[in-house]
Amino acid sequence: REQPSRRAILADITCDSDGKIDRFADLHDVRKALPLHDLKAEEEYYL
């Protein structure tokens, strides 16, 4: 119900530069960043 105010890529917890997701689904092309919400203190953010 909130507008996502950030644009981000995802990194995993491996210590590898390939451990990331920087290509996302889009109707017209491949999106390079994903709209996400600001993290809130003491509240989990689930994807």
ModelCIF file with pLDDT and N, C-alpha, C, O atoms, coordinates in Angstrom:
data_MODEL
#
_entry.id   MODEL 
#
_entity.id                         1 
_entity.type                       polymer 
_entity.pdbx_number_of_molecules   1 
#
_entity_poly.entity_id                      1 
_entity_poly.type                           'polypeptide(L)' 
_entity_poly.nstd_linkage                   no 
_entity_poly.nstd_monomer                   no 
_entity_poly.pdbx_seq_one_letter_code       REQPSRRAILADITCDSDGKIDRFADLHDVRKALPLHDLKAEEEYYL 
_entity_poly.pdbx_seq_one_letter_code_can   REQPSRRAILADITCDSDGKIDRFADLHDVRKALPLHDLKAEEEYYL 
_entity_poly.pdbx_strand_id                 A 
#
loop_
_entity_poly_seq.entity_id 
_entity_poly_seq.num 
_entity_poly_seq.mon_id 
_entity_poly_seq.hetero 
1 1  ARG n 
1 2  GLU n 
1 3  GLN n 
1 4  PRO n 
1 5  SER n 
1 6  ARG n 
1 7  ARG n 
1 8  ALA n 
1 9  ILE n 
1 10 LEU n 
1 11 ALA n 
1 12 ASP n 
1 13 ILE n 
1 14 THR n 
1 15 CYS n 
1 16 ASP n 
1 17 SER n 
1 18 ASP n 
1 19 GLY n 
1 20 LYS n 
1 21 ILE n 
1 22 ASP n 
1 23 ARG n 
1 24 PHE n 
1 25 ALA n 
1 26 ASP n 
1 27 LEU n 
1 28 HIS n 
1 29 ASP n 
1 30 VAL n 
1 31 ARG n 
1 32 LYS n 
1 33 ALA n 
1 34 LEU n 
1 35 PRO n 
1 36 LEU n 
1 37 HIS n 
1 38 ASP n 
1 39 LEU n 
1 40 LYS n 
1 41 ALA n 
1 42 GLU n 
1 43 GLU n 
1 44 GLU n 
1 45 TYR n 
1 46 TYR n 
1 47 LEU n 
#
_struct_asym.id          A 
_struct_asym.entity_id   1 
#
loop_
_ma_qa_metric.id 
_ma_qa_metric.mode 
_ma_qa_metric.name 
_ma_qa_metric.software_group_id 
_ma_qa_metric.type 
1 global pLDDT . pLDDT 
2 local  pLDDT . pLDDT 
#
_ma_qa_metric_global.metric_id      1 
_ma_qa_metric_global.metric_value   93.77 
_ma_qa_metric_global.model_id       1 
_ma_qa_metric_global.ordinal_id     1 
#
loop_
_ma_qa_metric_local.label_asym_id 
_ma_qa_metric_local.label_comp_id 
_ma_qa_metric_local.label_seq_id 
_ma_qa_metric_local.metric_id 
_ma_qa_metric_local.metric_value 
_ma_qa_metric_local.model_id 
_ma_qa_metric_local.ordinal_id 
A ARG 1  2 97.00 1 1  
A GLU 2  2 97.00 1 2  
A GLN 3  2 97.00 1 3  
A PRO 4  2 97.00 1 4  
A SER 5  2 94.00 1 5  
A ARG 6  2 94.00 1 6  
A ARG 7  2 94.00 1 7  
A ALA 8  2 96.00 1 8  
A ILE 9  2 96.00 1 9  
A LEU 10 2 97.00 1 10 
A ALA 11 2 97.00 1 11 
A ASP 12 2 97.00 1 12 
A ILE 13 2 96.00 1 13 
A THR 14 2 95.00 1 14 
A CYS 15 2 89.00 1 15 
A ASP 16 2 92.00 1 16 
A SER 17 2 91.00 1 17 
A ASP 18 2 93.00 1 18 
A GLY 19 2 95.00 1 19 
A LYS 20 2 96.00 1 20 
A ILE 21 2 96.00 1 21 
A ASP 22 2 95.00 1 22 
A ARG 23 2 94.00 1 23 
A PHE 24 2 94.00 1 24 
A ALA 25 2 89.00 1 25 
A ASP 26 2 88.00 1 26 
A LEU 27 2 81.00 1 27 
A HIS 28 2 78.00 1 28 
A ASP 29 2 82.00 1 29 
A VAL 30 2 89.00 1 30 
A ARG 31 2 90.00 1 31 
A LYS 32 2 91.00 1 32 
A ALA 33 2 94.00 1 33 
A LEU 34 2 96.00 1 34 
A PRO 35 2 96.00 1 35 
A LEU 36 2 97.00 1 36 
A HIS 37 2 98.00 1 37 
A ASP 38 2 97.00 1 38 
A LEU 39 2 97.00 1 39 
A LYS 40 2 96.00 1 40 
A ALA 41 2 92.00 1 41 
A GLU 42 2 91.00 1 42 
A GLU 43 2 95.00 1 43 
A GLU 44 2 97.00 1 44 
A TYR 45 2 98.00 1 45 
A TYR 46 2 98.00 1 46 
A LEU 47 2 98.00 1 47 
#
loop_
_atom_site.group_PDB 
_atom_site.id 
_atom_site.type_symbol 
_atom_site.label_atom_id 
_atom_site.label_alt_id 
_atom_site.label_comp_id 
_atom_site.label_asym_id 
_atom_site.label_entity_id 
_atom_site.label_seq_id 
_atom_site.pdbx_PDB_ins_code 
_atom_site.Cartn_x 
_atom_site.Cartn_y 
_atom_site.Cartn_z 
_atom_site.occupancy 
_atom_site.B_iso_or_equiv 
_atom_site.pdbx_formal_charge 
_atom_site.auth_seq_id 
_atom_site.auth_comp_id 
_atom_site.auth_asym_id 
_atom_site.auth_atom_id 
_atom_site.pdbx_PDB_model_num 
ATOM 1   N N  . ARG A 1 1  ? 0.834  -1.207  0.000   1.00 97.00 ? 1  ARG A N  1 
ATOM 2   C CA . ARG A 1 1  ? 0.000  0.000   0.000   1.00 97.00 ? 1  ARG A CA 1 
ATOM 3   C C  . ARG A 1 1  ? 0.869  1.259   0.000   1.00 97.00 ? 1  ARG A C  1 
ATOM 4   O O  . ARG A 1 1  ? 0.380  2.377   -0.160  1.00 97.00 ? 1  ARG A O  1 
ATOM 5   N N  . GLU A 1 2  ? 2.193  1.037   0.188   1.00 97.00 ? 2  GLU A N  1 
ATOM 6   C CA . GLU A 1 2  ? 3.144  2.147   0.203   1.00 97.00 ? 2  GLU A CA 1 
ATOM 7   C C  . GLU A 1 2  ? 3.869  2.233   -1.142  1.00 97.00 ? 2  GLU A C  1 
ATOM 8   O O  . GLU A 1 2  ? 4.139  1.216   -1.782  1.00 97.00 ? 2  GLU A O  1 
ATOM 9   N N  . GLN A 1 3  ? 4.175  3.441   -1.551  1.00 97.00 ? 3  GLN A N  1 
ATOM 10  C CA . GLN A 1 3  ? 4.948  3.614   -2.773  1.00 97.00 ? 3  GLN A CA 1 
ATOM 11  C C  . GLN A 1 3  ? 6.409  3.258   -2.505  1.00 97.00 ? 3  GLN A C  1 
ATOM 12  O O  . GLN A 1 3  ? 6.993  3.793   -1.563  1.00 97.00 ? 3  GLN A O  1 
ATOM 13  N N  . PRO A 1 4  ? 7.016  2.384   -3.290  1.00 97.00 ? 4  PRO A N  1 
ATOM 14  C CA . PRO A 1 4  ? 8.441  2.085   -3.099  1.00 97.00 ? 4  PRO A CA 1 
ATOM 15  C C  . PRO A 1 4  ? 9.279  3.296   -3.502  1.00 97.00 ? 4  PRO A C  1 
ATOM 16  O O  . PRO A 1 4  ? 9.170  3.791   -4.624  1.00 97.00 ? 4  PRO A O  1 
ATOM 17  N N  . SER A 1 5  ? 10.105 3.761   -2.589  1.00 94.00 ? 5  SER A N  1 
ATOM 18  C CA . SER A 1 5  ? 10.849 5.005   -2.833  1.00 94.00 ? 5  SER A CA 1 
ATOM 19  C C  . SER A 1 5  ? 12.303 4.771   -3.205  1.00 94.00 ? 5  SER A C  1 
ATOM 20  O O  . SER A 1 5  ? 13.016 5.722   -3.524  1.00 94.00 ? 5  SER A O  1 
ATOM 21  N N  . ARG A 1 6  ? 12.761 3.515   -3.171  1.00 94.00 ? 6  ARG A N  1 
ATOM 22  C CA . ARG A 1 6  ? 14.147 3.215   -3.487  1.00 94.00 ? 6  ARG A CA 1 
ATOM 23  C C  . ARG A 1 6  ? 14.220 2.339   -4.733  1.00 94.00 ? 6  ARG A C  1 
ATOM 24  O O  . ARG A 1 6  ? 13.252 1.662   -5.080  1.00 94.00 ? 6  ARG A O  1 
ATOM 25  N N  . ARG A 1 7  ? 15.355 2.353   -5.394  1.00 94.00 ? 7  ARG A N  1 
ATOM 26  C CA . ARG A 1 7  ? 15.639 1.472   -6.527  1.00 94.00 ? 7  ARG A CA 1 
ATOM 27  C C  . ARG A 1 7  ? 16.901 0.694   -6.159  1.00 94.00 ? 7  ARG A C  1 
ATOM 28  O O  . ARG A 1 7  ? 17.899 1.278   -5.736  1.00 94.00 ? 7  ARG A O  1 
ATOM 29  N N  . ALA A 1 8  ? 16.848 -0.633  -6.324  1.00 96.00 ? 8  ALA A N  1 
ATOM 30  C CA . ALA A 1 8  ? 17.938 -1.438  -5.776  1.00 96.00 ? 8  ALA A CA 1 
ATOM 31  C C  . ALA A 1 8  ? 18.212 -2.672  -6.617  1.00 96.00 ? 8  ALA A C  1 
ATOM 32  O O  . ALA A 1 8  ? 17.376 -3.114  -7.405  1.00 96.00 ? 8  ALA A O  1 
ATOM 33  N N  . ILE A 1 9  ? 19.402 -3.211  -6.428  1.00 96.00 ? 9  ILE A N  1 
ATOM 34  C CA . ILE A 1 9  ? 19.707 -4.564  -6.860  1.00 96.00 ? 9  ILE A CA 1 
ATOM 35  C C  . ILE A 1 9  ? 19.813 -5.402  -5.590  1.00 96.00 ? 9  ILE A C  1 
ATOM 36  O O  . ILE A 1 9  ? 19.894 -4.859  -4.488  1.00 96.00 ? 9  ILE A O  1 
ATOM 37  N N  . LEU A 1 10 ? 19.812 -6.729  -5.746  1.00 97.00 ? 10 LEU A N  1 
ATOM 38  C CA . LEU A 1 10 ? 19.882 -7.629  -4.605  1.00 97.00 ? 10 LEU A CA 1 
ATOM 39  C C  . LEU A 1 10 ? 21.253 -8.289  -4.555  1.00 97.00 ? 10 LEU A C  1 
ATOM 40  O O  . LEU A 1 10 ? 21.751 -8.789  -5.564  1.00 97.00 ? 10 LEU A O  1 
ATOM 41  N N  . ALA A 1 11 ? 21.850 -8.286  -3.383  1.00 97.00 ? 11 ALA A N  1 
ATOM 42  C CA . ALA A 1 11 ? 23.088 -9.041  -3.152  1.00 97.00 ? 11 ALA A CA 1 
ATOM 43  C C  . ALA A 1 11 ? 22.788 -10.133 -2.143  1.00 97.00 ? 11 ALA A C  1 
ATOM 44  O O  . ALA A 1 11 ? 22.017 -9.924  -1.206  1.00 97.00 ? 11 ALA A O  1 
ATOM 45  N N  . ASP A 1 12 ? 23.402 -11.314 -2.335  1.00 97.00 ? 12 ASP A N  1 
ATOM 46  C CA . ASP A 1 12 ? 23.198 -12.390 -1.366  1.00 97.00 ? 12 ASP A CA 1 
ATOM 47  C C  . ASP A 1 12 ? 24.282 -12.325 -0.293  1.00 97.00 ? 12 ASP A C  1 
ATOM 48  O O  . ASP A 1 12 ? 25.033 -11.352 -0.229  1.00 97.00 ? 12 ASP A O  1 
ATOM 49  N N  . ILE A 1 13 ? 24.366 -13.357 0.549   1.00 96.00 ? 13 ILE A N  1 
ATOM 50  C CA . ILE A 1 13 ? 25.330 -13.304 1.650   1.00 96.00 ? 13 ILE A CA 1 
ATOM 51  C C  . ILE A 1 13 ? 26.585 -14.116 1.359   1.00 96.00 ? 13 ILE A C  1 
ATOM 52  O O  . ILE A 1 13 ? 27.361 -14.397 2.272   1.00 96.00 ? 13 ILE A O  1 
ATOM 53  N N  . THR A 1 14 ? 26.795 -14.497 0.102   1.00 95.00 ? 14 THR A N  1 
ATOM 54  C CA . THR A 1 14 ? 28.062 -15.120 -0.254  1.00 95.00 ? 14 THR A CA 1 
ATOM 55  C C  . THR A 1 14 ? 29.110 -14.031 -0.433  1.00 95.00 ? 14 THR A C  1 
ATOM 56  O O  . THR A 1 14 ? 28.776 -12.866 -0.647  1.00 95.00 ? 14 THR A O  1 
ATOM 57  N N  . CYS A 1 15 ? 30.356 -14.412 -0.344  1.00 89.00 ? 15 CYS A N  1 
ATOM 58  C CA . CYS A 1 15 ? 31.427 -13.426 -0.563  1.00 89.00 ? 15 CYS A CA 1 
ATOM 59  C C  . CYS A 1 15 ? 31.905 -13.556 -2.008  1.00 89.00 ? 15 CYS A C  1 
ATOM 60  O O  . CYS A 1 15 ? 33.082 -13.807 -2.265  1.00 89.00 ? 15 CYS A O  1 
ATOM 61  N N  . ASP A 1 16 ? 30.970 -13.381 -2.950  1.00 92.00 ? 16 ASP A N  1 
ATOM 62  C CA . ASP A 1 16 ? 31.275 -13.523 -4.365  1.00 92.00 ? 16 ASP A CA 1 
ATOM 63  C C  . ASP A 1 16 ? 30.605 -12.390 -5.115  1.00 92.00 ? 16 ASP A C  1 
ATOM 64  O O  . ASP A 1 16 ? 29.430 -12.101 -4.892  1.00 92.00 ? 16 ASP A O  1 
ATOM 65  N N  . SER A 1 17 ? 31.343 -11.749 -5.998  1.00 91.00 ? 17 SER A N  1 
ATOM 66  C CA . SER A 1 17 ? 30.783 -10.619 -6.739  1.00 91.00 ? 17 SER A CA 1 
ATOM 67  C C  . SER A 1 17 ? 29.650 -11.031 -7.668  1.00 91.00 ? 17 SER A C  1 
ATOM 68  O O  . SER A 1 17 ? 28.847 -10.192 -8.077  1.00 91.00 ? 17 SER A O  1 
ATOM 69  N N  . ASP A 1 18 ? 29.580 -12.328 -8.008  1.00 93.00 ? 18 ASP A N  1 
ATOM 70  C CA . ASP A 1 18 ? 28.473 -12.822 -8.822  1.00 93.00 ? 18 ASP A CA 1 
ATOM 71  C C  . ASP A 1 18 ? 27.229 -13.133 -7.987  1.00 93.00 ? 18 ASP A C  1 
ATOM 72  O O  . ASP A 1 18 ? 26.180 -13.464 -8.541  1.00 93.00 ? 18 ASP A O  1 
ATOM 73  N N  . GLY A 1 19 ? 27.334 -13.032 -6.696  1.00 95.00 ? 19 GLY A N  1 
ATOM 74  C CA . GLY A 1 19 ? 26.205 -13.346 -5.828  1.00 95.00 ? 19 GLY A CA 1 
ATOM 75  C C  . GLY A 1 19 ? 25.223 -12.200 -5.746  1.00 95.00 ? 19 GLY A C  1 
ATOM 76  O O  . GLY A 1 19 ? 25.026 -11.609 -4.684  1.00 95.00 ? 19 GLY A O  1 
ATOM 77  N N  . LYS A 1 20 ? 24.612 -11.892 -6.866  1.00 96.00 ? 20 LYS A N  1 
ATOM 78  C CA . LYS A 1 20 ? 23.699 -10.747 -6.916  1.00 96.00 ? 20 LYS A CA 1 
ATOM 79  C C  . LYS A 1 20 ? 22.611 -11.006 -7.954  1.00 96.00 ? 20 LYS A C  1 
ATOM 80  O O  . LYS A 1 20 ? 22.740 -11.882 -8.810  1.00 96.00 ? 20 LYS A O  1 
ATOM 81  N N  . ILE A 1 21 ? 21.553 -10.235 -7.859  1.00 96.00 ? 21 ILE A N  1 
ATOM 82  C CA . ILE A 1 21 ? 20.503 -10.214 -8.879  1.00 96.00 ? 21 ILE A CA 1 
ATOM 83  C C  . ILE A 1 21 ? 20.374 -8.769  -9.333  1.00 96.00 ? 21 ILE A C  1 
ATOM 84  O O  . ILE A 1 21 ? 19.982 -7.894  -8.562  1.00 96.00 ? 21 ILE A O  1 
ATOM 85  N N  . ASP A 1 22 ? 20.706 -8.534  -10.587 1.00 95.00 ? 22 ASP A N  1 
ATOM 86  C CA . ASP A 1 22 ? 20.642 -7.169  -11.118 1.00 95.00 ? 22 ASP A CA 1 
ATOM 87  C C  . ASP A 1 22 ? 19.895 -7.125  -12.449 1.00 95.00 ? 22 ASP A C  1 
ATOM 88  O O  . ASP A 1 22 ? 20.081 -6.203  -13.243 1.00 95.00 ? 22 ASP A O  1 
ATOM 89  N N  . ARG A 1 23 ? 19.056 -8.120  -12.683 1.00 94.00 ? 23 ARG A N  1 
ATOM 90  C CA . ARG A 1 23 ? 18.174 -8.159  -13.847 1.00 94.00 ? 23 ARG A CA 1 
ATOM 91  C C  . ARG A 1 23 ? 16.792 -8.574  -13.366 1.00 94.00 ? 23 ARG A C  1 
ATOM 92  O O  . ARG A 1 23 ? 16.635 -9.612  -12.722 1.00 94.00 ? 23 ARG A O  1 
ATOM 93  N N  . PHE A 1 24 ? 15.798 -7.765  -13.679 1.00 94.00 ? 24 PHE A N  1 
ATOM 94  C CA . PHE A 1 24 ? 14.471 -7.976  -13.120 1.00 94.00 ? 24 PHE A CA 1 
ATOM 95  C C  . PHE A 1 24 ? 13.420 -7.948  -14.221 1.00 94.00 ? 24 PHE A C  1 
ATOM 96  O O  . PHE A 1 24 ? 13.606 -7.319  -15.263 1.00 94.00 ? 24 PHE A O  1 
ATOM 97  N N  . ALA A 1 25 ? 12.319 -8.638  -13.973 1.00 89.00 ? 25 ALA A N  1 
ATOM 98  C CA . ALA A 1 25 ? 11.238 -8.751  -14.949 1.00 89.00 ? 25 ALA A CA 1 
ATOM 99  C C  . ALA A 1 25 ? 10.619 -7.384  -15.221 1.00 89.00 ? 25 ALA A C  1 
ATOM 100 O O  . ALA A 1 25 ? 10.419 -6.579  -14.311 1.00 89.00 ? 25 ALA A O  1 
ATOM 101 N N  . ASP A 1 26 ? 10.321 -7.144  -16.494 1.00 88.00 ? 26 ASP A N  1 
ATOM 102 C CA . ASP A 1 26 ? 9.676  -5.913  -16.915 1.00 88.00 ? 26 ASP A CA 1 
ATOM 103 C C  . ASP A 1 26 ? 8.902  -6.204  -18.194 1.00 88.00 ? 26 ASP A C  1 
ATOM 104 O O  . ASP A 1 26 ? 9.325  -7.034  -18.998 1.00 88.00 ? 26 ASP A O  1 
ATOM 105 N N  . LEU A 1 27 ? 7.789  -5.540  -18.385 1.00 81.00 ? 27 LEU A N  1 
ATOM 106 C CA . LEU A 1 27 ? 6.951  -5.817  -19.553 1.00 81.00 ? 27 LEU A CA 1 
ATOM 107 C C  . LEU A 1 27 ? 7.631  -5.465  -20.871 1.00 81.00 ? 27 LEU A C  1 
ATOM 108 O O  . LEU A 1 27 ? 7.379  -6.105  -21.892 1.00 81.00 ? 27 LEU A O  1 
ATOM 109 N N  . HIS A 1 28 ? 8.486  -4.454  -20.853 1.00 78.00 ? 28 HIS A N  1 
ATOM 110 C CA . HIS A 1 28 ? 9.040  -3.934  -22.099 1.00 78.00 ? 28 HIS A CA 1 
ATOM 111 C C  . HIS A 1 28 ? 10.502 -4.286  -22.308 1.00 78.00 ? 28 HIS A C  1 
ATOM 112 O O  . HIS A 1 28 ? 10.980 -4.274  -23.443 1.00 78.00 ? 28 HIS A O  1 
ATOM 113 N N  . ASP A 1 29 ? 11.217 -4.595  -21.247 1.00 82.00 ? 29 ASP A N  1 
ATOM 114 C CA . ASP A 1 29 ? 12.639 -4.909  -21.366 1.00 82.00 ? 29 ASP A CA 1 
ATOM 115 C C  . ASP A 1 29 ? 13.063 -5.578  -20.066 1.00 82.00 ? 29 ASP A C  1 
ATOM 116 O O  . ASP A 1 29 ? 12.224 -5.944  -19.243 1.00 82.00 ? 29 ASP A O  1 
ATOM 117 N N  . VAL A 1 30 ? 14.368 -5.733  -19.887 1.00 89.00 ? 30 VAL A N  1 
ATOM 118 C CA . VAL A 1 30 ? 14.892 -6.215  -18.613 1.00 89.00 ? 30 VAL A CA 1 
ATOM 119 C C  . VAL A 1 30 ? 15.205 -5.005  -17.745 1.00 89.00 ? 30 VAL A C  1 
ATOM 120 O O  . VAL A 1 30 ? 15.963 -4.120  -18.145 1.00 89.00 ? 30 VAL A O  1 
ATOM 121 N N  . ARG A 1 31 ? 14.625 -4.975  -16.574 1.00 90.00 ? 31 ARG A N  1 
ATOM 122 C CA . ARG A 1 31 ? 14.825 -3.857  -15.673 1.00 90.00 ? 31 ARG A CA 1 
ATOM 123 C C  . ARG A 1 31 ? 16.131 -4.032  -14.906 1.00 90.00 ? 31 ARG A C  1 
ATOM 124 O O  . ARG A 1 31 ? 16.430 -5.132  -14.439 1.00 90.00 ? 31 ARG A O  1 
ATOM 125 N N  . LYS A 1 32 ? 16.911 -2.965  -14.771 1.00 91.00 ? 32 LYS A N  1 
ATOM 126 C CA . LYS A 1 32 ? 18.225 -3.058  -14.134 1.00 91.00 ? 32 LYS A CA 1 
ATOM 127 C C  . LYS A 1 32 ? 18.191 -2.844  -12.628 1.00 91.00 ? 32 LYS A C  1 
ATOM 128 O O  . LYS A 1 32 ? 19.161 -3.158  -11.939 1.00 91.00 ? 32 LYS A O  1 
ATOM 129 N N  . ALA A 1 33 ? 17.099 -2.319  -12.113 1.00 94.00 ? 33 ALA A N  1 
ATOM 130 C CA . ALA A 1 33 ? 16.965 -2.124  -10.670 1.00 94.00 ? 33 ALA A CA 1 
ATOM 131 C C  . ALA A 1 33 ? 15.501 -2.325  -10.301 1.00 94.00 ? 33 ALA A C  1 
ATOM 132 O O  . ALA A 1 33 ? 14.606 -2.127  -11.122 1.00 94.00 ? 33 ALA A O  1 
ATOM 133 N N  . LEU A 1 34 ? 15.274 -2.717  -9.062  1.00 96.00 ? 34 LEU A N  1 
ATOM 134 C CA . LEU A 1 34 ? 13.939 -3.060  -8.601  1.00 96.00 ? 34 LEU A CA 1 
ATOM 135 C C  . LEU A 1 34 ? 13.441 -2.014  -7.609  1.00 96.00 ? 34 LEU A C  1 
ATOM 136 O O  . LEU A 1 34 ? 14.162 -1.667  -6.673  1.00 96.00 ? 34 LEU A O  1 
ATOM 137 N N  . PRO A 1 35 ? 12.229 -1.507  -7.791  1.00 96.00 ? 35 PRO A N  1 
ATOM 138 C CA . PRO A 1 35 ? 11.677 -0.579  -6.794  1.00 96.00 ? 35 PRO A CA 1 
ATOM 139 C C  . PRO A 1 35 ? 11.422 -1.299  -5.471  1.00 96.00 ? 35 PRO A C  1 
ATOM 140 O O  . PRO A 1 35 ? 10.757 -2.334  -5.436  1.00 96.00 ? 35 PRO A O  1 
ATOM 141 N N  . LEU A 1 36 ? 11.951 -0.748  -4.398  1.00 97.00 ? 36 LEU A N  1 
ATOM 142 C CA . LEU A 1 36 ? 11.787 -1.329  -3.071  1.00 97.00 ? 36 LEU A CA 1 
ATOM 143 C C  . LEU A 1 36 ? 11.490 -0.235  -2.053  1.00 97.00 ? 36 LEU A C  1 
ATOM 144 O O  . LEU A 1 36 ? 11.620 0.953   -2.346  1.00 97.00 ? 36 LEU A O  1 
ATOM 145 N N  . HIS A 1 37 ? 11.092 -0.647  -0.859  1.00 98.00 ? 37 HIS A N  1 
ATOM 146 C CA . HIS A 1 37 ? 10.754 0.298   0.202   1.00 98.00 ? 37 HIS A CA 1 
ATOM 147 C C  . HIS A 1 37 ? 11.947 0.517   1.123   1.00 98.00 ? 37 HIS A C  1 
ATOM 148 O O  . HIS A 1 37 ? 12.843 -0.322  1.220   1.00 98.00 ? 37 HIS A O  1 
ATOM 149 N N  . ASP A 1 38 ? 11.939 1.664   1.796   1.00 97.00 ? 38 ASP A N  1 
ATOM 150 C CA . ASP A 1 38 ? 12.934 1.906   2.838   1.00 97.00 ? 38 ASP A CA 1 
ATOM 151 C C  . ASP A 1 38 ? 12.783 0.865   3.938   1.00 97.00 ? 38 ASP A C  1 
ATOM 152 O O  . ASP A 1 38 ? 11.667 0.463   4.266   1.00 97.00 ? 38 ASP A O  1 
ATOM 153 N N  . LEU A 1 39 ? 13.884 0.436   4.498   1.00 97.00 ? 39 LEU A N  1 
ATOM 154 C CA . LEU A 1 39 ? 13.815 -0.467  5.641   1.00 97.00 ? 39 LEU A CA 1 
ATOM 155 C C  . LEU A 1 39 ? 13.359 0.308   6.875   1.00 97.00 ? 39 LEU A C  1 
ATOM 156 O O  . LEU A 1 39 ? 13.685 1.481   7.052   1.00 97.00 ? 39 LEU A O  1 
ATOM 157 N N  . LYS A 1 40 ? 12.602 -0.379  7.717   1.00 96.00 ? 40 LYS A N  1 
ATOM 158 C CA . LYS A 1 40 ? 12.152 0.215   8.963   1.00 96.00 ? 40 LYS A CA 1 
ATOM 159 C C  . LYS A 1 40 ? 12.878 -0.445  10.126  1.00 96.00 ? 40 LYS A C  1 
ATOM 160 O O  . LYS A 1 40 ? 13.114 -1.653  10.123  1.00 96.00 ? 40 LYS A O  1 
ATOM 161 N N  . ALA A 1 41 ? 13.224 0.358   11.113  1.00 92.00 ? 41 ALA A N  1 
ATOM 162 C CA . ALA A 1 41 ? 13.932 -0.168  12.277  1.00 92.00 ? 41 ALA A CA 1 
ATOM 163 C C  . ALA A 1 41 ? 13.074 -1.205  12.996  1.00 92.00 ? 41 ALA A C  1 
ATOM 164 O O  . ALA A 1 41 ? 11.873 -1.010  13.186  1.00 92.00 ? 41 ALA A O  1 
ATOM 165 N N  . GLU A 1 42 ? 13.699 -2.295  13.389  1.00 91.00 ? 42 GLU A N  1 
ATOM 166 C CA . GLU A 1 42 ? 13.048 -3.348  14.166  1.00 91.00 ? 42 GLU A CA 1 
ATOM 167 C C  . GLU A 1 42 ? 11.880 -4.003  13.434  1.00 91.00 ? 42 GLU A C  1 
ATOM 168 O O  . GLU A 1 42 ? 10.999 -4.582  14.069  1.00 91.00 ? 42 GLU A O  1 
ATOM 169 N N  . GLU A 1 43 ? 11.866 -3.917  12.115  1.00 95.00 ? 43 GLU A N  1 
ATOM 170 C CA . GLU A 1 43 ? 10.799 -4.572  11.352  1.00 95.00 ? 43 GLU A CA 1 
ATOM 171 C C  . GLU A 1 43 ? 11.411 -5.298  10.167  1.00 95.00 ? 43 GLU A C  1 
ATOM 172 O O  . GLU A 1 43 ? 12.151 -4.700  9.387   1.00 95.00 ? 43 GLU A O  1 
ATOM 173 N N  . GLU A 1 44 ? 11.108 -6.584  10.024  1.00 97.00 ? 44 GLU A N  1 
ATOM 174 C CA . GLU A 1 44 ? 11.642 -7.362  8.915   1.00 97.00 ? 44 GLU A CA 1 
ATOM 175 C C  . GLU A 1 44 ? 11.018 -6.909  7.601   1.00 97.00 ? 44 GLU A C  1 
ATOM 176 O O  . GLU A 1 44 ? 9.847  -6.534  7.543   1.00 97.00 ? 44 GLU A O  1 
ATOM 177 N N  . TYR A 1 45 ? 11.824 -6.954  6.557   1.00 98.00 ? 45 TYR A N  1 
ATOM 178 C CA . TYR A 1 45 ? 11.345 -6.653  5.207   1.00 98.00 ? 45 TYR A CA 1 
ATOM 179 C C  . TYR A 1 45 ? 11.523 -7.928  4.397   1.00 98.00 ? 45 TYR A C  1 
ATOM 180 O O  . TYR A 1 45 ? 12.641 -8.406  4.202   1.00 98.00 ? 45 TYR A O  1 
ATOM 181 N N  . TYR A 1 46 ? 10.398 -8.475  3.924   1.00 98.00 ? 46 TYR A N  1 
ATOM 182 C CA . TYR A 1 46 ? 10.411 -9.767  3.257   1.00 98.00 ? 46 TYR A CA 1 
ATOM 183 C C  . TYR A 1 46 ? 10.235 -9.615  1.752   1.00 98.00 ? 46 TYR A C  1 
ATOM 184 O O  . TYR A 1 46 ? 9.391  -8.853  1.279   1.00 98.00 ? 46 TYR A O  1 
ATOM 185 N N  . LEU A 1 47 ? 11.045 -10.354 1.017   1.00 98.00 ? 47 LEU A N  1 
ATOM 186 C CA . LEU A 1 47 ? 10.932 -10.417 -0.431  1.00 98.00 ? 47 LEU A CA 1 
ATOM 187 C C  . LEU A 1 47 ? 10.633 -11.858 -0.841  1.00 98.00 ? 47 LEU A C  1 
ATOM 188 O O  . LEU A 1 47 ? 10.496 -12.146 -2.030  1.00 98.00 ? 47 LEU A O  1 
#
